[in-house]
Amino acid sequence: MLVVVISAILMGIFPIFFKRWNEVNVEEKYGTLKNCTKIIYKEIAVIWSKPLHNAEIKYLSKDFLSEAFNLKNYSRLFDLIDRYLIAGILTGFLGYIIWIFSLRFGEVSILFSITSLQFIATWITGYLYLKERLTPLQVMGIVSIILGVALIAPQV
């Protein structure tokens, strides 16, 4: 059960890193994630669709390969990679690996219910790190999660 709780905490923390990544990298430079995706797609699509538009260039030709794998062409994409994105990916990945490992030691119906603690971990880190506040309805939801896990936990 402790392994499941650790997994839930890790899975609850990783959205905080992604939100911070979005604020620092995407919103500041592009406005929205949708706009960011459009801009980067347009830049990359031009490179990767040249063989479709130009019959002289083929996908495995030297010209295409040198341009397609030139890292300067992906500078906007690499600008988005920072510590928040990496931390978010690592905590999410580690949380899911631990979750898969923990399935060997209990019933899925009980273990899955315990993973609802990830919402509480998200709230705590959001409150401490991002200074987010809860509405009374959200507090009632968290209390419901705690009560639900408390009802299930004695079975473990």
N, C-alpha and C. Protein backbone atom coordinates (compact mmCIF):
# COMPACT_ATOMS: atom_id res chain seq x y z
N MET A 1 0.82 -1.19 0.00
CA MET A 1 0.00 0.00 0.00
C MET A 1 0.87 1.26 0.00
N LEU A 2 1.98 1.21 0.70
CA LEU A 2 2.90 2.35 0.74
C LEU A 2 3.43 2.67 -0.66
N VAL A 3 3.70 1.64 -1.43
CA VAL A 3 4.20 1.83 -2.80
C VAL A 3 3.14 2.54 -3.64
N VAL A 4 1.88 2.19 -3.46
CA VAL A 4 0.80 2.83 -4.20
C VAL A 4 0.68 4.29 -3.80
N VAL A 5 0.84 4.58 -2.52
CA VAL A 5 0.76 5.97 -2.05
C VAL A 5 1.92 6.78 -2.65
N ILE A 6 3.11 6.22 -2.68
CA ILE A 6 4.26 6.91 -3.29
C ILE A 6 3.99 7.16 -4.76
N SER A 7 3.45 6.16 -5.44
CA SER A 7 3.10 6.31 -6.85
C SER A 7 2.06 7.42 -7.03
N ALA A 8 1.05 7.45 -6.17
CA ALA A 8 0.01 8.48 -6.26
C ALA A 8 0.59 9.87 -6.03
N ILE A 9 1.52 9.98 -5.11
CA ILE A 9 2.14 11.28 -4.84
C ILE A 9 2.93 11.75 -6.06
N LEU A 10 3.72 10.85 -6.63
CA LEU A 10 4.50 11.22 -7.82
C LEU A 10 3.59 11.60 -8.98
N MET A 11 2.51 10.84 -9.19
CA MET A 11 1.59 11.15 -10.28
C MET A 11 0.81 12.43 -9.99
N GLY A 12 0.69 12.78 -8.73
CA GLY A 12 0.03 14.02 -8.37
C GLY A 12 0.92 15.24 -8.51
N ILE A 13 2.22 15.04 -8.43
CA ILE A 13 3.16 16.16 -8.50
C ILE A 13 3.45 16.56 -9.94
N PHE A 14 3.48 15.62 -10.86
CA PHE A 14 3.95 15.96 -12.20
C PHE A 14 3.11 17.01 -12.93
N PRO A 15 1.79 17.14 -12.71
CA PRO A 15 1.07 18.23 -13.38
C PRO A 15 1.55 19.62 -12.95
N ILE A 16 2.04 19.74 -11.73
CA ILE A 16 2.53 21.03 -11.23
C ILE A 16 3.73 21.47 -12.06
N PHE A 17 4.63 20.54 -12.35
CA PHE A 17 5.79 20.88 -13.17
C PHE A 17 5.37 21.30 -14.58
N PHE A 18 4.37 20.62 -15.14
CA PHE A 18 3.91 20.97 -16.48
C PHE A 18 3.22 22.33 -16.49
N LYS A 19 2.48 22.65 -15.44
CA LYS A 19 1.83 23.95 -15.39
C LYS A 19 2.89 25.05 -15.30
N ARG A 20 3.90 24.83 -14.48
CA ARG A 20 4.99 25.82 -14.35
C ARG A 20 5.75 25.95 -15.68
N TRP A 21 5.97 24.83 -16.35
CA TRP A 21 6.63 24.84 -17.67
C TRP A 21 5.81 25.66 -18.66
N ASN A 22 4.50 25.47 -18.62
CA ASN A 22 3.62 26.20 -19.52
C ASN A 22 3.69 27.71 -19.24
N GLU A 23 3.70 28.10 -17.96
CA GLU A 23 3.77 29.52 -17.61
C GLU A 23 5.09 30.14 -18.02
N VAL A 24 6.18 29.43 -17.78
CA VAL A 24 7.52 29.99 -18.02
C VAL A 24 7.90 29.97 -19.49
N ASN A 25 7.62 28.90 -20.18
CA ASN A 25 8.09 28.75 -21.55
C ASN A 25 7.04 29.07 -22.60
N VAL A 26 5.88 28.47 -22.48
CA VAL A 26 4.90 28.58 -23.55
C VAL A 26 4.19 29.94 -23.52
N GLU A 27 3.58 30.29 -22.38
CA GLU A 27 2.81 31.53 -22.30
C GLU A 27 3.67 32.76 -22.56
N GLU A 28 4.86 32.74 -22.03
CA GLU A 28 5.74 33.90 -22.16
C GLU A 28 6.17 34.12 -23.61
N LYS A 29 6.44 33.03 -24.33
CA LYS A 29 6.97 33.15 -25.69
C LYS A 29 5.91 33.06 -26.79
N TYR A 30 4.84 32.27 -26.53
CA TYR A 30 3.88 31.99 -27.60
C TYR A 30 2.44 32.41 -27.28
N GLY A 31 2.15 32.65 -26.04
CA GLY A 31 0.79 33.01 -25.64
C GLY A 31 -0.01 31.82 -25.15
N THR A 32 -0.21 30.85 -26.03
CA THR A 32 -0.96 29.65 -25.63
C THR A 32 -0.23 28.41 -26.16
N LEU A 33 -0.56 27.28 -25.57
CA LEU A 33 0.03 26.03 -26.03
C LEU A 33 -0.42 25.72 -27.45
N LYS A 34 -1.64 26.07 -27.79
CA LYS A 34 -2.16 25.84 -29.14
C LYS A 34 -1.36 26.66 -30.15
N ASN A 35 -1.10 27.91 -29.85
CA ASN A 35 -0.32 28.77 -30.72
C ASN A 35 1.12 28.26 -30.85
N CYS A 36 1.68 27.82 -29.74
CA CYS A 36 3.03 27.25 -29.73
C CYS A 36 3.11 26.03 -30.64
N THR A 37 2.13 25.15 -30.53
CA THR A 37 2.10 23.95 -31.35
C THR A 37 1.98 24.29 -32.83
N LYS A 38 1.15 25.27 -33.16
CA LYS A 38 1.00 25.68 -34.56
C LYS A 38 2.31 26.21 -35.14
N ILE A 39 2.98 27.07 -34.39
CA ILE A 39 4.22 27.68 -34.87
C ILE A 39 5.29 26.63 -35.09
N ILE A 40 5.46 25.76 -34.12
CA ILE A 40 6.50 24.72 -34.24
C ILE A 40 6.14 23.74 -35.35
N TYR A 41 4.87 23.38 -35.47
CA TYR A 41 4.45 22.47 -36.54
C TYR A 41 4.74 23.08 -37.91
N LYS A 42 4.44 24.36 -38.08
CA LYS A 42 4.69 25.01 -39.37
C LYS A 42 6.17 25.00 -39.72
N GLU A 43 7.02 25.22 -38.73
CA GLU A 43 8.46 25.23 -38.99
C GLU A 43 8.97 23.84 -39.35
N ILE A 44 8.51 22.84 -38.64
CA ILE A 44 8.99 21.48 -38.88
C ILE A 44 8.35 20.90 -40.15
N ALA A 45 7.08 21.22 -40.38
CA ALA A 45 6.39 20.69 -41.57
C ALA A 45 7.06 21.14 -42.85
N VAL A 46 7.59 22.35 -42.87
CA VAL A 46 8.26 22.85 -44.08
C VAL A 46 9.46 21.96 -44.42
N ILE A 47 10.22 21.60 -43.40
CA ILE A 47 11.41 20.76 -43.63
C ILE A 47 11.01 19.36 -44.08
N TRP A 48 10.09 18.74 -43.36
CA TRP A 48 9.76 17.34 -43.61
C TRP A 48 8.84 17.13 -44.81
N SER A 49 8.24 18.18 -45.33
CA SER A 49 7.37 18.00 -46.50
C SER A 49 8.05 18.42 -47.80
N LYS A 50 9.29 18.87 -47.75
CA LYS A 50 9.98 19.27 -48.99
C LYS A 50 10.00 18.16 -50.04
N PRO A 51 10.30 16.92 -49.67
CA PRO A 51 10.29 15.87 -50.71
C PRO A 51 8.92 15.67 -51.35
N LEU A 52 7.86 15.99 -50.65
CA LEU A 52 6.53 15.84 -51.24
C LEU A 52 6.25 16.94 -52.26
N HIS A 53 6.81 18.12 -52.03
CA HIS A 53 6.57 19.26 -52.91
C HIS A 53 7.63 19.41 -54.01
N ASN A 54 8.79 18.89 -53.75
CA ASN A 54 9.89 19.03 -54.72
C ASN A 54 10.32 17.64 -55.15
N ALA A 55 10.05 17.29 -56.37
CA ALA A 55 10.34 15.93 -56.87
C ALA A 55 11.82 15.62 -56.91
N GLU A 56 12.68 16.64 -56.96
CA GLU A 56 14.12 16.40 -57.03
C GLU A 56 14.70 15.97 -55.69
N ILE A 57 14.06 16.37 -54.61
CA ILE A 57 14.55 16.00 -53.27
C ILE A 57 13.79 14.75 -52.82
N LYS A 58 14.54 13.75 -52.41
CA LYS A 58 13.93 12.53 -51.89
C LYS A 58 14.21 12.44 -50.39
N TYR A 59 13.42 11.65 -49.68
CA TYR A 59 13.54 11.57 -48.23
C TYR A 59 14.92 11.09 -47.77
N LEU A 60 15.58 10.26 -48.51
CA LEU A 60 16.89 9.76 -48.08
C LEU A 60 18.04 10.47 -48.80
N SER A 61 17.76 11.56 -49.48
CA SER A 61 18.84 12.28 -50.17
C SER A 61 19.68 13.06 -49.17
N LYS A 62 20.90 13.40 -49.57
CA LYS A 62 21.81 14.15 -48.69
C LYS A 62 21.23 15.50 -48.33
N ASP A 63 20.63 16.18 -49.29
CA ASP A 63 20.06 17.51 -49.03
C ASP A 63 18.98 17.44 -47.96
N PHE A 64 18.10 16.50 -48.10
CA PHE A 64 17.01 16.38 -47.12
C PHE A 64 17.55 16.00 -45.75
N LEU A 65 18.40 14.98 -45.70
CA LEU A 65 18.92 14.52 -44.41
C LEU A 65 19.72 15.60 -43.69
N SER A 66 20.52 16.36 -44.44
CA SER A 66 21.31 17.41 -43.79
C SER A 66 20.42 18.50 -43.22
N GLU A 67 19.33 18.81 -43.91
CA GLU A 67 18.43 19.84 -43.38
C GLU A 67 17.51 19.29 -42.30
N ALA A 68 17.04 18.07 -42.46
CA ALA A 68 16.12 17.48 -41.50
C ALA A 68 16.79 17.22 -40.15
N PHE A 69 18.07 16.93 -40.16
CA PHE A 69 18.75 16.62 -38.90
C PHE A 69 19.71 17.73 -38.47
N ASN A 70 19.51 18.92 -39.00
CA ASN A 70 20.26 20.09 -38.57
C ASN A 70 19.55 20.65 -37.34
N LEU A 71 20.20 20.63 -36.21
CA LEU A 71 19.56 21.02 -34.95
C LEU A 71 19.16 22.49 -34.92
N LYS A 72 19.77 23.31 -35.76
CA LYS A 72 19.38 24.73 -35.80
C LYS A 72 17.93 24.90 -36.24
N ASN A 73 17.45 23.98 -37.06
CA ASN A 73 16.07 24.06 -37.53
C ASN A 73 15.06 23.77 -36.43
N TYR A 74 15.51 23.22 -35.33
CA TYR A 74 14.61 22.85 -34.23
C TYR A 74 14.86 23.71 -33.00
N SER A 75 15.45 24.88 -33.17
CA SER A 75 15.82 25.69 -32.03
C SER A 75 14.61 26.09 -31.18
N ARG A 76 13.48 26.40 -31.81
CA ARG A 76 12.28 26.75 -31.03
C ARG A 76 11.79 25.57 -30.22
N LEU A 77 11.89 24.39 -30.79
CA LEU A 77 11.47 23.19 -30.07
C LEU A 77 12.39 22.93 -28.88
N PHE A 78 13.69 23.09 -29.07
CA PHE A 78 14.64 22.86 -27.98
C PHE A 78 14.56 23.95 -26.92
N ASP A 79 14.09 25.13 -27.28
CA ASP A 79 13.92 26.20 -26.29
C ASP A 79 12.86 25.84 -25.26
N LEU A 80 11.95 24.96 -25.61
CA LEU A 80 10.89 24.56 -24.69
C LEU A 80 11.34 23.55 -23.65
N ILE A 81 12.47 22.92 -23.87
CA ILE A 81 12.95 21.90 -22.94
C ILE A 81 13.70 22.59 -21.81
N ASP A 82 13.19 22.43 -20.60
CA ASP A 82 13.86 23.00 -19.43
C ASP A 82 13.64 22.08 -18.23
N ARG A 83 14.05 22.54 -17.06
CA ARG A 83 14.00 21.70 -15.86
C ARG A 83 12.58 21.33 -15.47
N TYR A 84 11.61 22.22 -15.72
CA TYR A 84 10.23 21.90 -15.36
C TYR A 84 9.68 20.76 -16.23
N LEU A 85 9.94 20.82 -17.50
CA LEU A 85 9.47 19.77 -18.41
C LEU A 85 10.13 18.43 -18.07
N ILE A 86 11.42 18.45 -17.84
CA ILE A 86 12.14 17.21 -17.52
C ILE A 86 11.67 16.65 -16.18
N ALA A 87 11.50 17.52 -15.17
CA ALA A 87 11.02 17.06 -13.86
C ALA A 87 9.62 16.49 -13.97
N GLY A 88 8.76 17.12 -14.76
CA GLY A 88 7.41 16.61 -14.95
C GLY A 88 7.38 15.26 -15.62
N ILE A 89 8.18 15.10 -16.65
CA ILE A 89 8.24 13.81 -17.35
C ILE A 89 8.80 12.73 -16.43
N LEU A 90 9.86 13.05 -15.69
CA LEU A 90 10.48 12.05 -14.81
C LEU A 90 9.55 11.64 -13.67
N THR A 91 8.90 12.61 -13.01
CA THR A 91 8.01 12.23 -11.90
C THR A 91 6.80 11.45 -12.40
N GLY A 92 6.25 11.85 -13.54
CA GLY A 92 5.12 11.10 -14.10
C GLY A 92 5.52 9.69 -14.49
N PHE A 93 6.64 9.56 -15.17
CA PHE A 93 7.13 8.24 -15.60
C PHE A 93 7.43 7.35 -14.40
N LEU A 94 8.13 7.90 -13.41
CA LEU A 94 8.46 7.13 -12.22
C LEU A 94 7.20 6.72 -11.47
N GLY A 95 6.23 7.63 -11.37
CA GLY A 95 4.96 7.31 -10.70
C GLY A 95 4.24 6.16 -11.38
N TYR A 96 4.20 6.18 -12.71
CA TYR A 96 3.50 5.11 -13.44
C TYR A 96 4.27 3.78 -13.37
N ILE A 97 5.58 3.83 -13.38
CA ILE A 97 6.36 2.60 -13.24
C ILE A 97 6.12 1.97 -11.87
N ILE A 98 6.13 2.79 -10.83
CA ILE A 98 5.86 2.29 -9.48
C ILE A 98 4.43 1.74 -9.40
N TRP A 99 3.49 2.42 -10.03
CA TRP A 99 2.09 1.96 -10.03
C TRP A 99 1.98 0.59 -10.69
N ILE A 100 2.62 0.40 -11.82
CA ILE A 100 2.58 -0.90 -12.51
C ILE A 100 3.22 -1.97 -11.64
N PHE A 101 4.34 -1.63 -10.99
CA PHE A 101 5.01 -2.58 -10.09
C PHE A 101 4.10 -2.95 -8.93
N SER A 102 3.35 -1.99 -8.39
CA SER A 102 2.52 -2.24 -7.21
C SER A 102 1.32 -3.12 -7.51
N LEU A 103 0.93 -3.23 -8.77
CA LEU A 103 -0.23 -4.06 -9.12
C LEU A 103 -0.01 -5.53 -8.81
N ARG A 104 1.22 -5.92 -8.65
CA ARG A 104 1.53 -7.32 -8.33
C ARG A 104 1.16 -7.67 -6.90
N PHE A 105 0.94 -6.67 -6.05
CA PHE A 105 0.80 -6.92 -4.62
C PHE A 105 -0.59 -6.67 -4.06
N GLY A 106 -1.58 -6.47 -4.89
CA GLY A 106 -2.91 -6.22 -4.37
C GLY A 106 -3.96 -6.26 -5.45
N GLU A 107 -5.20 -6.08 -5.02
CA GLU A 107 -6.32 -6.07 -5.96
C GLU A 107 -6.40 -4.70 -6.64
N VAL A 108 -6.67 -4.71 -7.90
CA VAL A 108 -6.72 -3.47 -8.68
C VAL A 108 -7.81 -2.55 -8.14
N SER A 109 -8.96 -3.09 -7.78
CA SER A 109 -10.07 -2.25 -7.32
C SER A 109 -9.70 -1.46 -6.06
N ILE A 110 -8.92 -2.05 -5.19
CA ILE A 110 -8.51 -1.36 -3.97
C ILE A 110 -7.34 -0.42 -4.26
N LEU A 111 -6.34 -0.90 -4.98
CA LEU A 111 -5.17 -0.07 -5.26
C LEU A 111 -5.53 1.16 -6.09
N PHE A 112 -6.43 0.98 -7.04
CA PHE A 112 -6.82 2.12 -7.88
C PHE A 112 -7.52 3.19 -7.06
N SER A 113 -8.30 2.77 -6.10
CA SER A 113 -8.98 3.74 -5.23
C SER A 113 -7.97 4.54 -4.41
N ILE A 114 -6.91 3.88 -3.99
CA ILE A 114 -5.89 4.57 -3.19
C ILE A 114 -5.14 5.59 -4.04
N THR A 115 -5.04 5.36 -5.34
CA THR A 115 -4.33 6.32 -6.19
C THR A 115 -5.08 7.64 -6.32
N SER A 116 -6.31 7.69 -5.85
CA SER A 116 -7.02 8.97 -5.86
C SER A 116 -6.34 9.98 -4.94
N LEU A 117 -5.40 9.52 -4.15
CA LEU A 117 -4.61 10.44 -3.31
C LEU A 117 -3.76 11.37 -4.16
N GLN A 118 -3.60 11.07 -5.43
CA GLN A 118 -2.83 11.95 -6.30
C GLN A 118 -3.48 13.32 -6.41
N PHE A 119 -4.80 13.41 -6.28
CA PHE A 119 -5.47 14.71 -6.31
C PHE A 119 -5.08 15.55 -5.10
N ILE A 120 -4.91 14.88 -3.97
CA ILE A 120 -4.49 15.60 -2.76
C ILE A 120 -3.04 16.05 -2.90
N ALA A 121 -2.20 15.20 -3.46
CA ALA A 121 -0.80 15.59 -3.68
C ALA A 121 -0.72 16.77 -4.64
N THR A 122 -1.56 16.77 -5.67
CA THR A 122 -1.58 17.89 -6.61
C THR A 122 -2.03 19.16 -5.91
N TRP A 123 -3.05 19.06 -5.08
CA TRP A 123 -3.52 20.25 -4.37
C TRP A 123 -2.45 20.79 -3.43
N ILE A 124 -1.80 19.92 -2.67
CA ILE A 124 -0.78 20.38 -1.71
C ILE A 124 0.38 21.06 -2.44
N THR A 125 0.88 20.44 -3.49
CA THR A 125 1.99 21.07 -4.21
C THR A 125 1.54 22.33 -4.95
N GLY A 126 0.32 22.34 -5.45
CA GLY A 126 -0.21 23.54 -6.08
C GLY A 126 -0.36 24.68 -5.09
N TYR A 127 -0.79 24.36 -3.88
CA TYR A 127 -0.94 25.37 -2.84
C TYR A 127 0.42 25.90 -2.39
N LEU A 128 1.36 25.00 -2.17
CA LEU A 128 2.67 25.41 -1.67
C LEU A 128 3.54 26.05 -2.74
N TYR A 129 3.51 25.51 -3.92
CA TYR A 129 4.44 25.93 -4.97
C TYR A 129 3.85 27.01 -5.88
N LEU A 130 2.58 26.86 -6.27
CA LEU A 130 1.97 27.80 -7.21
C LEU A 130 1.03 28.80 -6.53
N LYS A 131 0.87 28.66 -5.22
CA LYS A 131 0.02 29.57 -4.43
C LYS A 131 -1.44 29.56 -4.91
N GLU A 132 -1.93 28.40 -5.30
CA GLU A 132 -3.32 28.27 -5.72
C GLU A 132 -4.20 28.08 -4.49
N ARG A 133 -5.41 28.56 -4.57
CA ARG A 133 -6.36 28.46 -3.46
C ARG A 133 -7.49 27.50 -3.83
N LEU A 134 -8.12 26.94 -2.80
CA LEU A 134 -9.23 26.01 -3.01
C LEU A 134 -10.56 26.69 -2.76
N THR A 135 -11.56 26.27 -3.51
CA THR A 135 -12.93 26.71 -3.25
C THR A 135 -13.54 25.74 -2.23
N PRO A 136 -14.62 26.13 -1.59
CA PRO A 136 -15.26 25.21 -0.63
C PRO A 136 -15.69 23.88 -1.27
N LEU A 137 -16.10 23.93 -2.52
CA LEU A 137 -16.49 22.70 -3.21
C LEU A 137 -15.30 21.76 -3.40
N GLN A 138 -14.13 22.34 -3.70
CA GLN A 138 -12.92 21.53 -3.85
C GLN A 138 -12.50 20.92 -2.51
N VAL A 139 -12.68 21.67 -1.43
CA VAL A 139 -12.37 21.15 -0.09
C VAL A 139 -13.28 19.96 0.21
N MET A 140 -14.55 20.08 -0.14
CA MET A 140 -15.47 18.96 0.07
C MET A 140 -15.04 17.74 -0.75
N GLY A 141 -14.54 17.97 -1.96
CA GLY A 141 -14.05 16.88 -2.78
C GLY A 141 -12.85 16.18 -2.16
N ILE A 142 -11.93 16.95 -1.61
CA ILE A 142 -10.74 16.37 -0.97
C ILE A 142 -11.13 15.59 0.27
N VAL A 143 -12.05 16.13 1.05
CA VAL A 143 -12.54 15.40 2.23
C VAL A 143 -13.21 14.10 1.79
N SER A 144 -13.96 14.13 0.72
CA SER A 144 -14.60 12.91 0.20
C SER A 144 -13.56 11.88 -0.22
N ILE A 145 -12.49 12.33 -0.86
CA ILE A 145 -11.41 11.42 -1.26
C ILE A 145 -10.79 10.77 -0.03
N ILE A 146 -10.49 11.58 0.96
CA ILE A 146 -9.87 11.04 2.19
C ILE A 146 -10.80 10.04 2.87
N LEU A 147 -12.08 10.36 2.96
CA LEU A 147 -13.03 9.43 3.58
C LEU A 147 -13.17 8.15 2.77
N GLY A 148 -13.19 8.28 1.45
CA GLY A 148 -13.29 7.10 0.60
C GLY A 148 -12.08 6.18 0.75
N VAL A 149 -10.89 6.76 0.78
CA VAL A 149 -9.68 5.96 0.95
C VAL A 149 -9.67 5.34 2.35
N ALA A 150 -10.13 6.08 3.35
CA ALA A 150 -10.17 5.55 4.71
C ALA A 150 -11.11 4.35 4.81
N LEU A 151 -12.20 4.36 4.04
CA LEU A 151 -13.12 3.23 4.05
C LEU A 151 -12.54 2.01 3.36
N ILE A 152 -11.73 2.23 2.37
CA ILE A 152 -11.14 1.13 1.61
C ILE A 152 -9.89 0.59 2.29
N ALA A 153 -9.11 1.47 2.91
CA ALA A 153 -7.79 1.10 3.47
C ALA A 153 -7.86 -0.03 4.49
N PRO A 154 -8.88 -0.14 5.36
CA PRO A 154 -8.90 -1.27 6.31
C PRO A 154 -8.93 -2.63 5.63
N GLN A 155 -9.39 -2.69 4.37
CA GLN A 155 -9.43 -3.96 3.66
C GLN A 155 -8.05 -4.42 3.22
N VAL A 156 -7.10 -3.50 3.18
CA VAL A 156 -5.77 -3.83 2.67
C VAL A 156 -4.96 -4.56 3.66
